[in-house]
Amino acid sequence: QMQLVESGGGLVQPGGSLRLSCAASGLGLDYYAIGWFRQAPGKEREGVSCISSSDESTYYADSVKGRFTISRDSARNTVYLQMNGLKPEDTAVYYCAADLTYGSKCRNVEISYGKDYWGKGTLVTVSS
């Protein structure tokens, strides 16, 4: 049974850091593009970052560029999102998603849809 499980969310003060994890079971993340998305209350979901399979190209939304870093740990079958310099506007539920097309690439900060598979999300709250 395939699963994507996000973890690492929580409450952090402005300027703080968190590392989100997207751990997979039942599928090998190396072969697929993995995206991180977020949805703030009352707002539409937006793409935050994406990492392609094979060439490991990475992409970031302008709002997080220079603060967030996406990475993949093949041994742990996990994709991370390191978030530094957090701002109150980063508050949202963060989701990871896989494009389950073998060898898939990111479409900028998005994944292609149609064979997408999502985790249930983890809440990040940035507040003093």
Foldseek 3Di string as FASTA:
>chain_A
DKAWAKDFADEAAAQAKTKIKTAIDPDQQLFWKKWKWWDDPPGDIDTAKIFFHPVRDIAGDPVQPPFWDWDADRVRSMIMIIGGRDDQVVWTWMKMKTQPDGRFGAPHSHGDDDRMDIHPTDTHGYHD
